[in-house]
Amino acid sequence: MATATATKAAPKGSTVKTVILDSNKLPRNKVWGETDKAVRWQGAFALYGGEGGTTASSTIVYEIEPGGRLGWHTDATEETQYIIAGQGKLYLEDGSTHQVGPGSVFVIPTPVRHDLENTGKETLRAVAFFAAAMFTQDFDQVMLPPKSHILGTPNREG
């Protein structure tokens, strides 16, 4: 499936642009923790503020290999996740844990600290939907690259 753009007439003569893309073809950026070898994952921004007409949301597709995890962090906006494949454990700051697998959907309110670990034998694949066109994530671990605690949308500086 290739990237496609569709437009439709919107009220008062303006146009609404919708982008449909094959997220499997997006190049992934690898990220890992500076001192914690279990913090390792890869992801790609599918859409974020200004792309494809989005003005109030961002979407990330990501994967965690067996034994890896995202790393403890808080998000500057509400986050909804959908697990496509694999098995994992969601950890929340209140000490609760939740098993997740294909078809699991969950919402992380702002600013709840959380982590997601791949506990299975196959790659955990997921999509994260954020309720902002620009956002940041503040990780406990220094993340490489960019050697920072802060990750987020490429346009997060404004």
N, C-alpha and C. Protein backbone atom coordinates (compact mmCIF):
# COMPACT_ATOMS: atom_id res chain seq x y z
N MET A 1 0.85 -1.17 0.00
CA MET A 1 0.00 0.00 0.00
C MET A 1 0.89 1.23 0.00
N ALA A 2 0.64 2.15 -0.86
CA ALA A 2 1.42 3.37 -0.97
C ALA A 2 0.75 4.49 -0.20
N THR A 3 1.49 5.58 -0.04
CA THR A 3 0.93 6.76 0.59
C THR A 3 -0.09 7.37 -0.36
N ALA A 4 -1.22 7.77 0.18
CA ALA A 4 -2.26 8.38 -0.64
C ALA A 4 -2.77 9.62 0.07
N THR A 5 -3.15 10.58 -0.70
CA THR A 5 -3.74 11.80 -0.15
C THR A 5 -5.09 11.99 -0.79
N ALA A 6 -6.09 12.22 0.02
CA ALA A 6 -7.44 12.47 -0.49
C ALA A 6 -7.89 13.83 0.01
N THR A 7 -8.65 14.49 -0.81
CA THR A 7 -9.23 15.76 -0.37
C THR A 7 -10.72 15.70 -0.60
N LYS A 8 -11.44 16.43 0.19
CA LYS A 8 -12.88 16.52 0.02
C LYS A 8 -13.29 17.96 0.29
N ALA A 9 -14.38 18.32 -0.25
CA ALA A 9 -14.86 19.69 -0.03
C ALA A 9 -15.29 19.84 1.42
N ALA A 10 -14.90 20.93 2.02
CA ALA A 10 -15.30 21.24 3.38
C ALA A 10 -16.24 22.44 3.32
N PRO A 11 -16.92 22.70 4.40
CA PRO A 11 -17.83 23.85 4.41
C PRO A 11 -17.12 25.14 4.00
N LYS A 12 -17.87 26.01 3.34
CA LYS A 12 -17.43 27.34 2.95
C LYS A 12 -16.25 27.32 1.99
N GLY A 13 -16.16 26.30 1.13
CA GLY A 13 -15.17 26.29 0.07
C GLY A 13 -13.76 25.90 0.45
N SER A 14 -13.47 25.59 1.72
CA SER A 14 -12.13 25.15 2.08
C SER A 14 -11.99 23.66 1.80
N THR A 15 -10.78 23.15 1.88
CA THR A 15 -10.54 21.73 1.62
C THR A 15 -9.95 21.07 2.86
N VAL A 16 -10.29 19.81 3.05
CA VAL A 16 -9.74 19.01 4.12
C VAL A 16 -8.86 17.95 3.47
N LYS A 17 -7.62 17.85 3.93
CA LYS A 17 -6.68 16.88 3.36
C LYS A 17 -6.55 15.70 4.32
N THR A 18 -6.65 14.50 3.80
CA THR A 18 -6.48 13.29 4.58
C THR A 18 -5.34 12.48 3.98
N VAL A 19 -4.39 12.08 4.82
CA VAL A 19 -3.26 11.29 4.35
C VAL A 19 -3.45 9.86 4.81
N ILE A 20 -3.31 8.94 3.89
CA ILE A 20 -3.36 7.51 4.20
C ILE A 20 -2.00 6.95 3.83
N LEU A 21 -1.33 6.32 4.80
CA LEU A 21 0.00 5.80 4.51
C LEU A 21 0.16 4.39 5.04
N ASP A 22 1.15 3.71 4.53
CA ASP A 22 1.48 2.37 4.99
C ASP A 22 2.55 2.51 6.07
N SER A 23 2.15 2.42 7.32
CA SER A 23 3.09 2.63 8.41
C SER A 23 4.19 1.57 8.44
N ASN A 24 3.97 0.42 7.80
CA ASN A 24 5.00 -0.61 7.74
C ASN A 24 6.20 -0.15 6.92
N LYS A 25 6.01 0.84 6.06
CA LYS A 25 7.09 1.33 5.20
C LYS A 25 7.81 2.54 5.77
N LEU A 26 7.35 3.05 6.91
CA LEU A 26 8.03 4.20 7.52
C LEU A 26 9.36 3.77 8.13
N PRO A 27 10.43 4.50 7.85
CA PRO A 27 11.71 4.15 8.50
C PRO A 27 11.62 4.39 10.00
N ARG A 28 12.16 3.46 10.77
CA ARG A 28 12.13 3.55 12.23
C ARG A 28 13.41 4.17 12.75
N ASN A 29 13.29 4.99 13.79
CA ASN A 29 14.45 5.51 14.50
C ASN A 29 14.66 4.65 15.74
N LYS A 30 15.86 4.14 15.91
CA LYS A 30 16.19 3.34 17.07
C LYS A 30 16.54 4.25 18.23
N VAL A 31 16.03 3.89 19.42
CA VAL A 31 16.26 4.66 20.64
C VAL A 31 16.65 3.67 21.74
N TRP A 32 17.59 4.07 22.59
CA TRP A 32 17.98 3.20 23.69
C TRP A 32 18.42 4.03 24.89
N GLY A 33 18.38 3.39 26.05
CA GLY A 33 18.78 4.05 27.28
C GLY A 33 20.29 4.09 27.42
N GLU A 34 20.79 5.17 27.98
CA GLU A 34 22.24 5.34 28.11
C GLU A 34 22.85 4.31 29.06
N THR A 35 22.17 4.01 30.17
CA THR A 35 22.74 3.08 31.15
C THR A 35 21.92 1.82 31.36
N ASP A 36 20.67 1.80 30.95
CA ASP A 36 19.81 0.63 31.12
C ASP A 36 19.65 -0.08 29.78
N LYS A 37 20.31 -1.22 29.63
CA LYS A 37 20.33 -1.95 28.35
C LYS A 37 18.96 -2.49 27.95
N ALA A 38 18.02 -2.60 28.89
CA ALA A 38 16.68 -3.09 28.57
C ALA A 38 15.84 -2.02 27.87
N VAL A 39 16.20 -0.75 28.05
CA VAL A 39 15.47 0.34 27.40
C VAL A 39 15.96 0.44 25.96
N ARG A 40 15.15 -0.15 25.06
CA ARG A 40 15.50 -0.16 23.63
C ARG A 40 14.23 -0.39 22.83
N TRP A 41 14.01 0.48 21.86
CA TRP A 41 12.83 0.38 21.01
C TRP A 41 13.09 1.18 19.75
N GLN A 42 12.17 1.09 18.82
CA GLN A 42 12.28 1.88 17.60
C GLN A 42 10.90 2.34 17.19
N GLY A 43 10.84 3.53 16.62
CA GLY A 43 9.55 4.07 16.26
C GLY A 43 9.64 5.12 15.17
N ALA A 44 8.47 5.49 14.67
CA ALA A 44 8.38 6.50 13.62
C ALA A 44 7.12 7.32 13.84
N PHE A 45 7.23 8.62 13.61
CA PHE A 45 6.05 9.47 13.63
C PHE A 45 5.31 9.25 12.32
N ALA A 46 4.07 8.79 12.42
CA ALA A 46 3.25 8.64 11.23
C ALA A 46 2.73 10.01 10.82
N LEU A 47 2.18 10.73 11.77
CA LEU A 47 1.67 12.09 11.54
C LEU A 47 1.83 12.91 12.81
N TYR A 48 2.08 14.19 12.63
CA TYR A 48 2.11 15.11 13.77
C TYR A 48 1.80 16.49 13.26
N GLY A 49 1.48 17.39 14.16
CA GLY A 49 1.00 18.73 13.85
C GLY A 49 1.45 19.34 12.55
N GLY A 50 0.51 19.62 11.68
CA GLY A 50 0.79 20.26 10.41
C GLY A 50 0.92 19.29 9.25
N GLU A 51 1.20 18.04 9.52
CA GLU A 51 1.31 17.03 8.45
C GLU A 51 -0.07 16.45 8.16
N GLY A 52 -0.41 16.38 6.91
CA GLY A 52 -1.67 15.76 6.52
C GLY A 52 -2.89 16.44 7.08
N GLY A 53 -2.76 17.71 7.43
CA GLY A 53 -3.90 18.45 7.96
C GLY A 53 -4.13 18.27 9.45
N THR A 54 -3.26 17.51 10.13
CA THR A 54 -3.46 17.31 11.57
C THR A 54 -3.12 18.58 12.33
N THR A 55 -4.00 18.95 13.24
CA THR A 55 -3.77 20.15 14.04
C THR A 55 -3.93 19.89 15.53
N ALA A 56 -4.40 18.71 15.92
CA ALA A 56 -4.65 18.46 17.34
C ALA A 56 -4.24 17.06 17.77
N SER A 57 -3.41 16.37 16.97
CA SER A 57 -3.02 15.02 17.35
C SER A 57 -1.69 14.64 16.70
N SER A 58 -1.10 13.57 17.25
CA SER A 58 0.13 12.98 16.72
C SER A 58 -0.01 11.47 16.81
N THR A 59 0.62 10.75 15.88
CA THR A 59 0.56 9.30 15.86
C THR A 59 1.96 8.73 15.68
N ILE A 60 2.30 7.77 16.53
CA ILE A 60 3.60 7.09 16.46
C ILE A 60 3.34 5.59 16.31
N VAL A 61 4.09 4.95 15.42
CA VAL A 61 4.12 3.50 15.36
C VAL A 61 5.45 3.08 15.96
N TYR A 62 5.46 2.03 16.77
CA TYR A 62 6.71 1.63 17.39
C TYR A 62 6.76 0.13 17.66
N GLU A 63 7.98 -0.36 17.88
CA GLU A 63 8.22 -1.77 18.17
C GLU A 63 9.20 -1.89 19.33
N ILE A 64 8.98 -2.94 20.13
CA ILE A 64 9.90 -3.29 21.21
C ILE A 64 10.26 -4.76 21.01
N GLU A 65 11.54 -5.05 20.90
CA GLU A 65 11.99 -6.44 20.75
C GLU A 65 11.83 -7.19 22.07
N PRO A 66 11.76 -8.54 22.03
CA PRO A 66 11.64 -9.33 23.27
C PRO A 66 12.70 -8.93 24.30
N GLY A 67 12.25 -8.75 25.55
CA GLY A 67 13.14 -8.37 26.64
C GLY A 67 13.39 -6.87 26.75
N GLY A 68 12.94 -6.10 25.76
CA GLY A 68 13.14 -4.65 25.79
C GLY A 68 11.95 -3.94 26.41
N ARG A 69 12.13 -2.65 26.63
CA ARG A 69 11.04 -1.83 27.17
C ARG A 69 11.22 -0.39 26.72
N LEU A 70 10.15 0.41 26.90
CA LEU A 70 10.19 1.82 26.52
C LEU A 70 11.06 2.63 27.47
N GLY A 71 10.95 2.36 28.75
CA GLY A 71 11.61 3.17 29.77
C GLY A 71 10.58 4.05 30.47
N TRP A 72 10.77 4.24 31.77
CA TRP A 72 9.84 5.06 32.55
C TRP A 72 9.84 6.48 32.01
N HIS A 73 8.63 7.03 31.82
CA HIS A 73 8.50 8.40 31.32
C HIS A 73 7.11 8.95 31.59
N THR A 74 6.99 10.26 31.43
CA THR A 74 5.68 10.93 31.46
C THR A 74 5.52 11.66 30.14
N ASP A 75 4.28 11.76 29.71
CA ASP A 75 3.95 12.45 28.47
C ASP A 75 3.28 13.77 28.80
N ALA A 76 3.54 14.77 27.97
CA ALA A 76 2.96 16.10 28.18
C ALA A 76 1.54 16.20 27.65
N THR A 77 0.98 15.09 27.22
CA THR A 77 -0.40 15.07 26.74
C THR A 77 -0.97 13.67 26.95
N GLU A 78 -2.27 13.58 26.93
CA GLU A 78 -2.94 12.28 27.03
C GLU A 78 -2.51 11.39 25.87
N GLU A 79 -2.36 10.09 26.17
CA GLU A 79 -1.89 9.13 25.17
C GLU A 79 -2.82 7.91 25.15
N THR A 80 -3.21 7.49 23.95
CA THR A 80 -3.96 6.26 23.76
C THR A 80 -3.09 5.30 22.99
N GLN A 81 -3.01 4.05 23.45
CA GLN A 81 -2.20 3.06 22.74
C GLN A 81 -3.06 1.88 22.31
N TYR A 82 -2.68 1.33 21.15
CA TYR A 82 -3.32 0.14 20.61
C TYR A 82 -2.21 -0.86 20.30
N ILE A 83 -2.28 -2.04 20.92
CA ILE A 83 -1.28 -3.07 20.71
C ILE A 83 -1.70 -3.91 19.49
N ILE A 84 -0.82 -3.98 18.51
CA ILE A 84 -1.09 -4.72 17.27
C ILE A 84 -0.63 -6.16 17.39
N ALA A 85 0.57 -6.37 17.93
CA ALA A 85 1.14 -7.73 18.01
C ALA A 85 2.06 -7.81 19.22
N GLY A 86 2.25 -9.02 19.71
CA GLY A 86 3.17 -9.24 20.82
C GLY A 86 2.47 -9.18 22.17
N GLN A 87 3.24 -9.49 23.20
CA GLN A 87 2.74 -9.50 24.57
C GLN A 87 3.59 -8.55 25.41
N GLY A 88 2.94 -7.87 26.33
CA GLY A 88 3.70 -6.95 27.16
C GLY A 88 3.08 -6.74 28.52
N LYS A 89 3.79 -5.94 29.31
CA LYS A 89 3.30 -5.56 30.63
C LYS A 89 3.42 -4.05 30.74
N LEU A 90 2.29 -3.41 31.06
CA LEU A 90 2.24 -1.98 31.26
C LEU A 90 2.42 -1.72 32.75
N TYR A 91 3.38 -0.86 33.10
CA TYR A 91 3.64 -0.48 34.49
C TYR A 91 3.18 0.96 34.68
N LEU A 92 2.45 1.21 35.76
CA LEU A 92 2.00 2.56 36.09
C LEU A 92 2.63 3.02 37.40
N GLU A 93 2.73 4.33 37.57
CA GLU A 93 3.41 4.90 38.73
C GLU A 93 2.79 4.52 40.06
N ASP A 94 1.52 4.12 40.05
CA ASP A 94 0.88 3.74 41.31
C ASP A 94 1.23 2.31 41.74
N GLY A 95 2.12 1.65 40.96
CA GLY A 95 2.55 0.30 41.28
C GLY A 95 1.73 -0.78 40.59
N SER A 96 0.66 -0.41 39.91
CA SER A 96 -0.15 -1.41 39.22
C SER A 96 0.52 -1.84 37.92
N THR A 97 0.24 -3.09 37.52
CA THR A 97 0.73 -3.63 36.25
C THR A 97 -0.45 -4.24 35.50
N HIS A 98 -0.35 -4.23 34.19
CA HIS A 98 -1.43 -4.74 33.34
C HIS A 98 -0.84 -5.51 32.17
N GLN A 99 -1.32 -6.73 31.96
CA GLN A 99 -0.91 -7.50 30.80
C GLN A 99 -1.59 -6.92 29.56
N VAL A 100 -0.84 -6.78 28.46
CA VAL A 100 -1.40 -6.28 27.21
C VAL A 100 -0.99 -7.22 26.08
N GLY A 101 -1.82 -7.27 25.05
CA GLY A 101 -1.54 -8.10 23.89
C GLY A 101 -2.34 -7.59 22.71
N PRO A 102 -2.32 -8.32 21.61
CA PRO A 102 -3.01 -7.87 20.40
C PRO A 102 -4.46 -7.49 20.69
N GLY A 103 -4.83 -6.29 20.27
CA GLY A 103 -6.18 -5.79 20.49
C GLY A 103 -6.34 -4.96 21.76
N SER A 104 -5.34 -4.96 22.65
CA SER A 104 -5.43 -4.15 23.86
C SER A 104 -5.40 -2.67 23.50
N VAL A 105 -6.29 -1.91 24.14
CA VAL A 105 -6.33 -0.45 24.00
C VAL A 105 -6.32 0.12 25.40
N PHE A 106 -5.49 1.14 25.62
CA PHE A 106 -5.48 1.79 26.92
C PHE A 106 -5.12 3.25 26.76
N VAL A 107 -5.55 4.05 27.74
CA VAL A 107 -5.30 5.48 27.74
C VAL A 107 -4.46 5.82 28.97
N ILE A 108 -3.41 6.60 28.76
CA ILE A 108 -2.56 7.07 29.84
C ILE A 108 -2.86 8.56 30.03
N PRO A 109 -3.49 8.93 31.14
CA PRO A 109 -3.77 10.35 31.38
C PRO A 109 -2.47 11.14 31.60
N THR A 110 -2.52 12.42 31.37
CA THR A 110 -1.39 13.31 31.63
C THR A 110 -1.37 13.63 33.12
N PRO A 111 -0.28 13.65 33.79
CA PRO A 111 1.07 13.22 33.46
C PRO A 111 1.44 11.92 34.20
N VAL A 112 0.75 10.85 33.96
CA VAL A 112 1.00 9.58 34.66
C VAL A 112 2.30 8.96 34.15
N ARG A 113 3.21 8.70 35.07
CA ARG A 113 4.49 8.04 34.73
C ARG A 113 4.21 6.58 34.43
N HIS A 114 4.83 6.05 33.35
CA HIS A 114 4.55 4.68 32.93
C HIS A 114 5.72 4.10 32.14
N ASP A 115 5.64 2.78 31.92
CA ASP A 115 6.64 2.04 31.15
C ASP A 115 5.92 0.87 30.51
N LEU A 116 6.43 0.38 29.41
CA LEU A 116 5.87 -0.79 28.74
C LEU A 116 7.01 -1.73 28.39
N GLU A 117 6.88 -2.99 28.82
CA GLU A 117 7.91 -4.00 28.61
C GLU A 117 7.38 -5.10 27.69
N ASN A 118 8.22 -5.56 26.78
CA ASN A 118 7.87 -6.71 25.95
C ASN A 118 8.20 -7.96 26.75
N THR A 119 7.16 -8.72 27.14
CA THR A 119 7.35 -9.93 27.93
C THR A 119 7.20 -11.20 27.11
N GLY A 120 7.01 -11.04 25.80
CA GLY A 120 6.79 -12.20 24.94
C GLY A 120 8.02 -12.62 24.17
N LYS A 121 7.80 -13.49 23.19
CA LYS A 121 8.87 -14.04 22.37
C LYS A 121 8.92 -13.42 20.97
N GLU A 122 7.96 -12.56 20.68
CA GLU A 122 7.95 -11.87 19.38
C GLU A 122 7.97 -10.36 19.61
N THR A 123 8.22 -9.62 18.54
CA THR A 123 8.25 -8.17 18.62
C THR A 123 6.88 -7.63 19.03
N LEU A 124 6.87 -6.74 20.01
CA LEU A 124 5.64 -6.05 20.40
C LEU A 124 5.50 -4.86 19.45
N ARG A 125 4.38 -4.78 18.74
CA ARG A 125 4.12 -3.69 17.80
C ARG A 125 2.89 -2.93 18.28
N ALA A 126 2.99 -1.60 18.25
CA ALA A 126 1.89 -0.79 18.77
C ALA A 126 1.80 0.54 18.03
N VAL A 127 0.66 1.18 18.22
CA VAL A 127 0.43 2.54 17.72
C VAL A 127 0.04 3.38 18.92
N ALA A 128 0.68 4.55 19.04
CA ALA A 128 0.36 5.50 20.12
C ALA A 128 -0.23 6.75 19.49
N PHE A 129 -1.37 7.15 20.02
CA PHE A 129 -2.07 8.35 19.55
C PHE A 129 -1.99 9.38 20.66
N PHE A 130 -1.50 10.56 20.35
CA PHE A 130 -1.35 11.63 21.33
C PHE A 130 -2.32 12.75 21.02
N ALA A 131 -2.88 13.34 22.07
CA ALA A 131 -3.91 14.37 21.92
C ALA A 131 -3.30 15.76 21.79
N ALA A 132 -2.25 15.87 20.97
CA ALA A 132 -1.63 17.17 20.71
C ALA A 132 -0.81 17.09 19.43
N ALA A 133 -0.75 18.18 18.72
CA ALA A 133 0.03 18.24 17.49
C ALA A 133 1.53 18.31 17.79
N MET A 134 1.89 18.85 18.95
CA MET A 134 3.28 18.93 19.40
C MET A 134 3.32 18.47 20.86
N PHE A 135 4.23 17.59 21.20
CA PHE A 135 4.31 17.13 22.58
C PHE A 135 5.73 16.69 22.91
N THR A 136 5.98 16.53 24.20
CA THR A 136 7.25 15.99 24.66
C THR A 136 6.99 14.82 25.60
N GLN A 137 8.00 13.98 25.71
CA GLN A 137 8.02 12.88 26.66
C GLN A 137 9.27 13.06 27.51
N ASP A 138 9.12 12.98 28.82
CA ASP A 138 10.24 13.17 29.73
C ASP A 138 10.60 11.81 30.32
N PHE A 139 11.74 11.26 29.90
CA PHE A 139 12.19 9.93 30.32
C PHE A 139 13.08 10.03 31.56
N ASP A 140 12.96 9.05 32.46
CA ASP A 140 13.86 8.95 33.60
C ASP A 140 15.29 8.72 33.11
N GLN A 141 15.44 7.89 32.13
CA GLN A 141 16.70 7.47 31.54
C GLN A 141 17.14 8.48 30.48
N VAL A 142 18.42 8.76 30.37
CA VAL A 142 18.92 9.55 29.25
C VAL A 142 18.79 8.67 28.01
N MET A 143 18.12 9.18 26.98
CA MET A 143 17.87 8.41 25.77
C MET A 143 18.88 8.78 24.69
N LEU A 144 19.35 7.75 23.98
CA LEU A 144 20.29 7.92 22.89
C LEU A 144 19.67 7.44 21.59
N PRO A 145 19.89 8.06 20.47
CA PRO A 145 20.10 9.49 20.47
C PRO A 145 18.83 10.19 20.93
N PRO A 146 18.83 11.36 21.31
CA PRO A 146 19.78 12.46 21.12
C PRO A 146 20.61 12.77 22.36
N LYS A 147 20.75 11.84 23.31
CA LYS A 147 21.43 12.06 24.61
C LYS A 147 20.68 13.11 25.41
N SER A 148 19.40 12.80 25.64
CA SER A 148 18.52 13.72 26.35
C SER A 148 17.45 12.92 27.09
N HIS A 149 16.90 13.50 28.13
CA HIS A 149 15.74 12.92 28.81
C HIS A 149 14.46 13.21 28.03
N ILE A 150 14.51 14.18 27.13
CA ILE A 150 13.31 14.65 26.43
C ILE A 150 13.27 14.15 25.00
N LEU A 151 12.17 13.50 24.64
CA LEU A 151 11.88 13.13 23.25
C LEU A 151 10.52 13.73 22.91
N GLY A 152 10.18 13.78 21.64
CA GLY A 152 8.87 14.30 21.25
C GLY A 152 8.79 14.55 19.76
N THR A 153 7.71 15.17 19.37
CA THR A 153 7.48 15.44 17.94
C THR A 153 8.61 16.33 17.40
N PRO A 154 8.96 16.13 16.14
CA PRO A 154 10.01 16.97 15.54
C PRO A 154 9.69 18.46 15.60
N ASN A 155 8.43 18.84 15.68
CA ASN A 155 8.04 20.26 15.72
C ASN A 155 7.80 20.77 17.13
N ARG A 156 8.26 20.05 18.15
CA ARG A 156 7.92 20.38 19.54
C ARG A 156 8.45 21.72 20.00
N GLU A 157 9.40 22.29 19.29
CA GLU A 157 9.92 23.60 19.66
C GLU A 157 9.02 24.73 19.18
N GLY A 158 7.96 24.39 18.46
CA GLY A 158 7.04 25.40 18.00
C GLY A 158 7.02 25.47 16.52
